[in-house]
Amino acid sequence: MGETSWAFLLVGSFAALGAAMAIGTLAALWRYHRTGTFPGHDEVSVPSTGKVVALWIRVVVGLVLAVIGIIAIERAGIF
């Protein structure tokens, strides 16, 4: 494997991880908004404000990781 392949693998993994974290958390928040339940819980529950804030922070961190990964791949000319 060449140096370019390793760079793509590393940076692409960060981008994919960030995108998966953002999309998965958004899906959980959307399900809660629609049904009142989180994935893995059958009963309706009201989450604490801290939990909701933590989930939104997770979405933002995931988006930031995805964007940084995509920009790094673009700048390296790998994409």
PDB file of N, CA and C in Angstrom:
ATOM      1  N   MET A   1       0.834  -1.183   0.000  1.00  0.00           N
ATOM      2  CA  MET A   1       0.000   0.000   0.000  1.00  0.00           C
ATOM      3  C   MET A   1       0.871   1.236   0.000  1.00  0.00           C
ATOM      4  N   GLY A   2       0.522   2.162  -0.834  1.00  0.00           N
ATOM      5  CA  GLY A   2       1.287   3.396  -0.910  1.00  0.00           C
ATOM      6  C   GLY A   2       0.885   4.382   0.175  1.00  0.00           C
ATOM      7  N   GLU A   3       1.650   5.458   0.239  1.00  0.00           N
ATOM      8  CA  GLU A   3       1.379   6.493   1.239  1.00  0.00           C
ATOM      9  C   GLU A   3       0.012   7.124   1.025  1.00  0.00           C
ATOM     10  N   THR A   4      -0.379   7.306  -0.232  1.00  0.00           N
ATOM     11  CA  THR A   4      -1.680   7.888  -0.538  1.00  0.00           C
ATOM     12  C   THR A   4      -2.808   6.982  -0.046  1.00  0.00           C
ATOM     13  N   SER A   5      -2.632   5.678  -0.183  1.00  0.00           N
ATOM     14  CA  SER A   5      -3.660   4.741   0.264  1.00  0.00           C
ATOM     15  C   SER A   5      -3.845   4.805   1.778  1.00  0.00           C
ATOM     16  N   TRP A   6      -2.739   4.884   2.513  1.00  0.00           N
ATOM     17  CA  TRP A   6      -2.834   4.977   3.962  1.00  0.00           C
ATOM     18  C   TRP A   6      -3.481   6.288   4.388  1.00  0.00           C
ATOM     19  N   ALA A   7      -3.142   7.371   3.706  1.00  0.00           N
ATOM     20  CA  ALA A   7      -3.731   8.668   4.041  1.00  0.00           C
ATOM     21  C   ALA A   7      -5.235   8.646   3.790  1.00  0.00           C
ATOM     22  N   PHE A   8      -5.643   8.067   2.661  1.00  0.00           N
ATOM     23  CA  PHE A   8      -7.064   7.982   2.359  1.00  0.00           C
ATOM     24  C   PHE A   8      -7.784   7.109   3.385  1.00  0.00           C
ATOM     25  N   LEU A   9      -7.157   6.004   3.756  1.00  0.00           N
ATOM     26  CA  LEU A   9      -7.761   5.099   4.732  1.00  0.00           C
ATOM     27  C   LEU A   9      -7.942   5.791   6.082  1.00  0.00           C
ATOM     28  N   LEU A  10      -6.934   6.492   6.542  1.00  0.00           N
ATOM     29  CA  LEU A  10      -6.995   7.163   7.835  1.00  0.00           C
ATOM     30  C   LEU A  10      -8.001   8.317   7.820  1.00  0.00           C
ATOM     31  N   VAL A  11      -7.844   9.217   6.866  1.00  0.00           N
ATOM     32  CA  VAL A  11      -8.711  10.398   6.821  1.00  0.00           C
ATOM     33  C   VAL A  11     -10.132  10.001   6.422  1.00  0.00           C
ATOM     34  N   GLY A  12     -10.259   9.054   5.509  1.00  0.00           N
ATOM     35  CA  GLY A  12     -11.578   8.580   5.118  1.00  0.00           C
ATOM     36  C   GLY A  12     -12.311   7.924   6.273  1.00  0.00           C
ATOM     37  N   SER A  13     -11.561   7.244   7.136  1.00  0.00           N
ATOM     38  CA  SER A  13     -12.176   6.626   8.312  1.00  0.00           C
ATOM     39  C   SER A  13     -12.719   7.679   9.267  1.00  0.00           C
ATOM     40  N   PHE A  14     -11.981   8.770   9.468  1.00  0.00           N
ATOM     41  CA  PHE A  14     -12.479   9.849  10.309  1.00  0.00           C
ATOM     42  C   PHE A  14     -13.742  10.450   9.720  1.00  0.00           C
ATOM     43  N   ALA A  15     -13.747  10.673   8.412  1.00  0.00           N
ATOM     44  CA  ALA A  15     -14.920  11.246   7.765  1.00  0.00           C
ATOM     45  C   ALA A  15     -16.114  10.306   7.883  1.00  0.00           C
ATOM     46  N   ALA A  16     -15.894   9.010   7.666  1.00  0.00           N
ATOM     47  CA  ALA A  16     -16.983   8.042   7.748  1.00  0.00           C
ATOM     48  C   ALA A  16     -17.504   7.909   9.180  1.00  0.00           C
ATOM     49  N   LEU A  17     -16.598   7.898  10.146  1.00  0.00           N
ATOM     50  CA  LEU A  17     -16.996   7.824  11.545  1.00  0.00           C
ATOM     51  C   LEU A  17     -17.831   9.038  11.937  1.00  0.00           C
ATOM     52  N   GLY A  18     -17.388  10.203  11.530  1.00  0.00           N
ATOM     53  CA  GLY A  18     -18.131  11.427  11.836  1.00  0.00           C
ATOM     54  C   GLY A  18     -19.508  11.440  11.202  1.00  0.00           C
ATOM     55  N   ALA A  19     -19.585  11.026   9.935  1.00  0.00           N
ATOM     56  CA  ALA A  19     -20.877  10.994   9.257  1.00  0.00           C
ATOM     57  C   ALA A  19     -21.814   9.979   9.912  1.00  0.00           C
ATOM     58  N   ALA A  20     -21.288   8.809  10.263  1.00  0.00           N
ATOM     59  CA  ALA A  20     -22.124   7.790  10.906  1.00  0.00           C
ATOM     60  C   ALA A  20     -22.618   8.264  12.273  1.00  0.00           C
ATOM     61  N   MET A  21     -21.747   8.943  13.021  1.00  0.00           N
ATOM     62  CA  MET A  21     -22.131   9.435  14.339  1.00  0.00           C
ATOM     63  C   MET A  21     -23.240  10.484  14.201  1.00  0.00           C
ATOM     64  N   ALA A  22     -23.091  11.401  13.259  1.00  0.00           N
ATOM     65  CA  ALA A  22     -24.092  12.450  13.070  1.00  0.00           C
ATOM     66  C   ALA A  22     -25.413  11.874  12.570  1.00  0.00           C
ATOM     67  N   ILE A  23     -25.368  11.005  11.575  1.00  0.00           N
ATOM     68  CA  ILE A  23     -26.597  10.445  11.001  1.00  0.00           C
ATOM     69  C   ILE A  23     -27.321   9.547  12.006  1.00  0.00           C
ATOM     70  N   GLY A  24     -26.576   8.714  12.714  1.00  0.00           N
ATOM     71  CA  GLY A  24     -27.195   7.832  13.701  1.00  0.00           C
ATOM     72  C   GLY A  24     -27.848   8.582  14.843  1.00  0.00           C
ATOM     73  N   THR A  25     -27.178   9.610  15.330  1.00  0.00           N
ATOM     74  CA  THR A  25     -27.733  10.393  16.433  1.00  0.00           C
ATOM     75  C   THR A  25     -28.940  11.195  15.967  1.00  0.00           C
ATOM     76  N   LEU A  26     -28.868  11.736  14.752  1.00  0.00           N
ATOM     77  CA  LEU A  26     -30.021  12.457  14.213  1.00  0.00           C
ATOM     78  C   LEU A  26     -31.213  11.522  14.040  1.00  0.00           C
ATOM     79  N   ALA A  27     -30.956  10.292  13.611  1.00  0.00           N
ATOM     80  CA  ALA A  27     -32.046   9.318  13.468  1.00  0.00           C
ATOM     81  C   ALA A  27     -32.694   9.019  14.823  1.00  0.00           C
ATOM     82  N   ALA A  28     -31.880   8.898  15.866  1.00  0.00           N
ATOM     83  CA  ALA A  28     -32.426   8.649  17.207  1.00  0.00           C
ATOM     84  C   ALA A  28     -33.241   9.848  17.691  1.00  0.00           C
ATOM     85  N   LEU A  29     -32.739  11.046  17.451  1.00  0.00           N
ATOM     86  CA  LEU A  29     -33.479  12.242  17.852  1.00  0.00           C
ATOM     87  C   LEU A  29     -34.789  12.377  17.064  1.00  0.00           C
ATOM     88  N   TRP A  30     -34.756  12.037  15.798  1.00  0.00           N
ATOM     89  CA  TRP A  30     -35.958  12.108  14.969  1.00  0.00           C
ATOM     90  C   TRP A  30     -36.998  11.095  15.444  1.00  0.00           C
ATOM     91  N   ARG A  31     -36.536   9.884  15.767  1.00  0.00           N
ATOM     92  CA  ARG A  31     -37.451   8.868  16.280  1.00  0.00           C
ATOM     93  C   ARG A  31     -38.072   9.330  17.595  1.00  0.00           C
ATOM     94  N   TYR A  32     -37.272   9.936  18.454  1.00  0.00           N
ATOM     95  CA  TYR A  32     -37.814  10.444  19.714  1.00  0.00           C
ATOM     96  C   TYR A  32     -38.862  11.514  19.456  1.00  0.00           C
ATOM     97  N   HIS A  33     -38.590  12.397  18.495  1.00  0.00           N
ATOM     98  CA  HIS A  33     -39.529  13.466  18.159  1.00  0.00           C
ATOM     99  C   HIS A  33     -40.841  12.891  17.626  1.00  0.00           C
ATOM    100  N   ARG A  34     -40.762  11.830  16.810  1.00  0.00           N
ATOM    101  CA  ARG A  34     -41.958  11.210  16.216  1.00  0.00           C
ATOM    102  C   ARG A  34     -42.738  10.353  17.206  1.00  0.00           C
ATOM    103  N   THR A  35     -42.052   9.477  17.946  1.00  0.00           N
ATOM    104  CA  THR A  35     -42.728   8.468  18.758  1.00  0.00           C
ATOM    105  C   THR A  35     -42.622   8.686  20.261  1.00  0.00           C
ATOM    106  N   GLY A  36     -41.682   9.487  20.698  1.00  0.00           N
ATOM    107  CA  GLY A  36     -41.480   9.694  22.127  1.00  0.00           C
ATOM    108  C   GLY A  36     -40.588   8.644  22.764  1.00  0.00           C
ATOM    109  N   THR A  37     -40.015   7.742  21.944  1.00  0.00           N
ATOM    110  CA  THR A  37     -39.112   6.715  22.474  1.00  0.00           C
ATOM    111  C   THR A  37     -37.766   6.793  21.772  1.00  0.00           C
ATOM    112  N   PHE A  38     -36.740   6.341  22.475  1.00  0.00           N
ATOM    113  CA  PHE A  38     -35.417   6.239  21.882  1.00  0.00           C
ATOM    114  C   PHE A  38     -35.203   4.809  21.421  1.00  0.00           C
ATOM    115  N   PRO A  39     -34.337   4.587  20.438  1.00  0.00           N
ATOM    116  CA  PRO A  39     -34.044   3.218  20.012  1.00  0.00           C
ATOM    117  C   PRO A  39     -33.554   2.383  21.200  1.00  0.00           C
ATOM    118  N   GLY A  40     -34.101   1.182  21.328  1.00  0.00           N
ATOM    119  CA  GLY A  40     -33.722   0.306  22.422  1.00  0.00           C
ATOM    120  C   GLY A  40     -34.626   0.413  23.641  1.00  0.00           C
ATOM    121  N   HIS A  41     -35.533   1.385  23.650  1.00  0.00           N
ATOM    122  CA  HIS A  41     -36.466   1.565  24.761  1.00  0.00           C
ATOM    123  C   HIS A  41     -37.885   1.535  24.213  1.00  0.00           C
ATOM    124  N   ASP A  42     -38.727   0.718  24.806  1.00  0.00           N
ATOM    125  CA  ASP A  42     -40.105   0.618  24.328  1.00  0.00           C
ATOM    126  C   ASP A  42     -41.047   1.605  25.002  1.00  0.00           C
ATOM    127  N   GLU A  43     -40.732   1.990  26.215  1.00  0.00           N
ATOM    128  CA  GLU A  43     -41.621   2.888  26.933  1.00  0.00           C
ATOM    129  C   GLU A  43     -41.289   4.350  26.627  1.00  0.00           C
ATOM    130  N   VAL A  44     -42.332   5.177  26.685  1.00  0.00           N
ATOM    131  CA  VAL A  44     -42.161   6.609  26.460  1.00  0.00           C
ATOM    132  C   VAL A  44     -41.469   7.191  27.685  1.00  0.00           C
ATOM    133  N   SER A  45     -40.421   7.959  27.450  1.00  0.00           N
ATOM    134  CA  SER A  45     -39.703   8.575  28.560  1.00  0.00           C
ATOM    135  C   SER A  45     -39.304   9.991  28.172  1.00  0.00           C
ATOM    136  N   VAL A  46     -39.152  10.813  29.172  1.00  0.00           N
ATOM    137  CA  VAL A  46     -38.725  12.187  28.942  1.00  0.00           C
ATOM    138  C   VAL A  46     -37.255  12.283  29.330  1.00  0.00           C
ATOM    139  N   PRO A  47     -36.392  12.539  28.344  1.00  0.00           N
ATOM    140  CA  PRO A  47     -34.965  12.633  28.663  1.00  0.00           C
ATOM    141  C   PRO A  47     -34.647  13.940  29.378  1.00  0.00           C
ATOM    142  N   SER A  48     -33.584  13.925  30.119  1.00  0.00           N
ATOM    143  CA  SER A  48     -33.166  15.153  30.795  1.00  0.00           C
ATOM    144  C   SER A  48     -32.624  16.141  29.765  1.00  0.00           C
ATOM    145  N   THR A  49     -32.610  17.386  30.142  1.00  0.00           N
ATOM    146  CA  THR A  49     -32.083  18.420  29.248  1.00  0.00           C
ATOM    147  C   THR A  49     -30.623  18.155  28.918  1.00  0.00           C
ATOM    148  N   GLY A  50     -29.879  17.664  29.903  1.00  0.00           N
ATOM    149  CA  GLY A  50     -28.465  17.356  29.681  1.00  0.00           C
ATOM    150  C   GLY A  50     -28.267  16.284  28.622  1.00  0.00           C
ATOM    151  N   LYS A  51     -29.142  15.271  28.615  1.00  0.00           N
ATOM    152  CA  LYS A  51     -29.030  14.207  27.626  1.00  0.00           C
ATOM    153  C   LYS A  51     -29.314  14.735  26.217  1.00  0.00           C
ATOM    154  N   VAL A  52     -30.327  15.562  26.094  1.00  0.00           N
ATOM    155  CA  VAL A  52     -30.661  16.126  24.785  1.00  0.00           C
ATOM    156  C   VAL A  52     -29.524  17.018  24.289  1.00  0.00           C
ATOM    157  N   VAL A  53     -28.960  17.833  25.169  1.00  0.00           N
ATOM    158  CA  VAL A  53     -27.839  18.692  24.793  1.00  0.00           C
ATOM    159  C   VAL A  53     -26.639  17.841  24.374  1.00  0.00           C
ATOM    160  N   ALA A  54     -26.372  16.767  25.115  1.00  0.00           N
ATOM    161  CA  ALA A  54     -25.258  15.881  24.774  1.00  0.00           C
ATOM    162  C   ALA A  54     -25.464  15.233  23.404  1.00  0.00           C
ATOM    163  N   LEU A  55     -26.694  14.865  23.087  1.00  0.00           N
ATOM    164  CA  LEU A  55     -26.967  14.276  21.774  1.00  0.00           C
ATOM    165  C   LEU A  55     -26.743  15.281  20.649  1.00  0.00           C
ATOM    166  N   TRP A  56     -27.171  16.524  20.849  1.00  0.00           N
ATOM    167  CA  TRP A  56     -26.946  17.548  19.825  1.00  0.00           C
ATOM    168  C   TRP A  56     -25.452  17.866  19.681  1.00  0.00           C
ATOM    169  N   ILE A  57     -24.721  17.844  20.786  1.00  0.00           N
ATOM    170  CA  ILE A  57     -23.269  18.050  20.707  1.00  0.00           C
ATOM    171  C   ILE A  57     -22.639  16.923  19.903  1.00  0.00           C
ATOM    172  N   ARG A  58     -23.138  15.710  20.091  1.00  0.00           N
ATOM    173  CA  ARG A  58     -22.644  14.564  19.328  1.00  0.00           C
ATOM    174  C   ARG A  58     -22.891  14.734  17.824  1.00  0.00           C
ATOM    175  N   VAL A  59     -24.044  15.282  17.480  1.00  0.00           N
ATOM    176  CA  VAL A  59     -24.345  15.549  16.068  1.00  0.00           C
ATOM    177  C   VAL A  59     -23.344  16.559  15.510  1.00  0.00           C
ATOM    178  N   VAL A  60     -23.104  17.617  16.243  1.00  0.00           N
ATOM    179  CA  VAL A  60     -22.180  18.663  15.783  1.00  0.00           C
ATOM    180  C   VAL A  60     -20.766  18.112  15.644  1.00  0.00           C
ATOM    181  N   VAL A  61     -20.300  17.344  16.618  1.00  0.00           N
ATOM    182  CA  VAL A  61     -18.959  16.755  16.549  1.00  0.00           C
ATOM    183  C   VAL A  61     -18.853  15.825  15.346  1.00  0.00           C
ATOM    184  N   GLY A  62     -19.884  15.037  15.103  1.00  0.00           N
ATOM    185  CA  GLY A  62     -19.882  14.143  13.948  1.00  0.00           C
ATOM    186  C   GLY A  62     -19.808  14.901  12.632  1.00  0.00           C
ATOM    187  N   LEU A  63     -20.574  15.972  12.523  1.00  0.00           N
ATOM    188  CA  LEU A  63     -20.533  16.782  11.303  1.00  0.00           C
ATOM    189  C   LEU A  63     -19.173  17.440  11.109  1.00  0.00           C
ATOM    190  N   VAL A  64     -18.589  17.926  12.192  1.00  0.00           N
ATOM    191  CA  VAL A  64     -17.262  18.550  12.110  1.00  0.00           C
ATOM    192  C   VAL A  64     -16.224  17.525  11.653  1.00  0.00           C
ATOM    193  N   LEU A  65     -16.248  16.321  12.231  1.00  0.00           N
ATOM    194  CA  LEU A  65     -15.308  15.280  11.802  1.00  0.00           C
ATOM    195  C   LEU A  65     -15.490  14.932  10.323  1.00  0.00           C
ATOM    196  N   ALA A  66     -16.728  14.815   9.890  1.00  0.00           N
ATOM    197  CA  ALA A  66     -16.995  14.484   8.486  1.00  0.00           C
ATOM    198  C   ALA A  66     -16.486  15.578   7.555  1.00  0.00           C
ATOM    199  N   VAL A  67     -16.750  16.815   7.894  1.00  0.00           N
ATOM    200  CA  VAL A  67     -16.313  17.930   7.043  1.00  0.00           C
ATOM    201  C   VAL A  67     -14.793  18.032   7.016  1.00  0.00           C
ATOM    202  N   ILE A  68     -14.148  17.906   8.163  1.00  0.00           N
ATOM    203  CA  ILE A  68     -12.685  17.962   8.205  1.00  0.00           C
ATOM    204  C   ILE A  68     -12.085  16.835   7.373  1.00  0.00           C
ATOM    205  N   GLY A  69     -12.648  15.641   7.479  1.00  0.00           N
ATOM    206  CA  GLY A  69     -12.153  14.516   6.684  1.00  0.00           C
ATOM    207  C   GLY A  69     -12.301  14.744   5.193  1.00  0.00           C
ATOM    208  N   ILE A  70     -13.446  15.245   4.784  1.00  0.00           N
ATOM    209  CA  ILE A  70     -13.679  15.504   3.356  1.00  0.00           C
ATOM    210  C   ILE A  70     -12.746  16.597   2.845  1.00  0.00           C
ATOM    211  N   ILE A  71     -12.567  17.648   3.619  1.00  0.00           N
ATOM    212  CA  ILE A  71     -11.661  18.737   3.206  1.00  0.00           C
ATOM    213  C   ILE A  71     -10.226  18.221   3.108  1.00  0.00           C
ATOM    214  N   ALA A  72      -9.798  17.404   4.067  1.00  0.00           N
ATOM    215  CA  ALA A  72      -8.436  16.858   4.031  1.00  0.00           C
ATOM    216  C   ALA A  72      -8.221  15.968   2.813  1.00  0.00           C
ATOM    217  N   ILE A  73      -9.206  15.169   2.472  1.00  0.00           N
ATOM    218  CA  ILE A  73      -9.102  14.333   1.280  1.00  0.00           C
ATOM    219  C   ILE A  73      -9.043  15.185   0.021  1.00  0.00           C
ATOM    220  N   GLU A  74      -9.871  16.223  -0.030  1.00  0.00           N
ATOM    221  CA  GLU A  74      -9.866  17.140  -1.172  1.00  0.00           C
ATOM    222  C   GLU A  74      -8.502  17.816  -1.336  1.00  0.00           C
ATOM    223  N   ARG A  75      -7.979  18.351  -0.234  1.00  0.00           N
ATOM    224  CA  ARG A  75      -6.692  19.079  -0.301  1.00  0.00           C
ATOM    225  C   ARG A  75      -5.528  18.167  -0.674  1.00  0.00           C
ATOM    226  N   ALA A  76      -5.596  16.912  -0.266  1.00  0.00           N
ATOM    227  CA  ALA A  76      -4.520  15.974  -0.592  1.00  0.00           C
ATOM    228  C   ALA A  76      -4.612  15.488  -2.037  1.00  0.00           C
ATOM    229  N   GLY A  77      -5.709  15.801  -2.684  1.00  0.00           N
ATOM    230  CA  GLY A  77      -5.876  15.397  -4.072  1.00  0.00           C
ATOM    231  C   GLY A  77      -6.176  13.909  -4.233  1.00  0.00           C
ATOM    232  N   ILE A  78      -6.648  13.291  -3.169  1.00  0.00           N
ATOM    233  CA  ILE A  78      -6.930  11.858  -3.200  1.00  0.00           C
ATOM    234  C   ILE A  78      -8.307  11.598  -3.781  1.00  0.00           C
ATOM    235  N   PHE A  79      -9.217  12.482  -3.575  1.00  0.00           N
ATOM    236  CA  PHE A  79     -10.609  12.281  -3.948  1.00  0.00           C
ATOM    237  C   PHE A  79     -10.853  12.552  -5.397  1.00  0.00           C
TER     238      PHE A  79
END
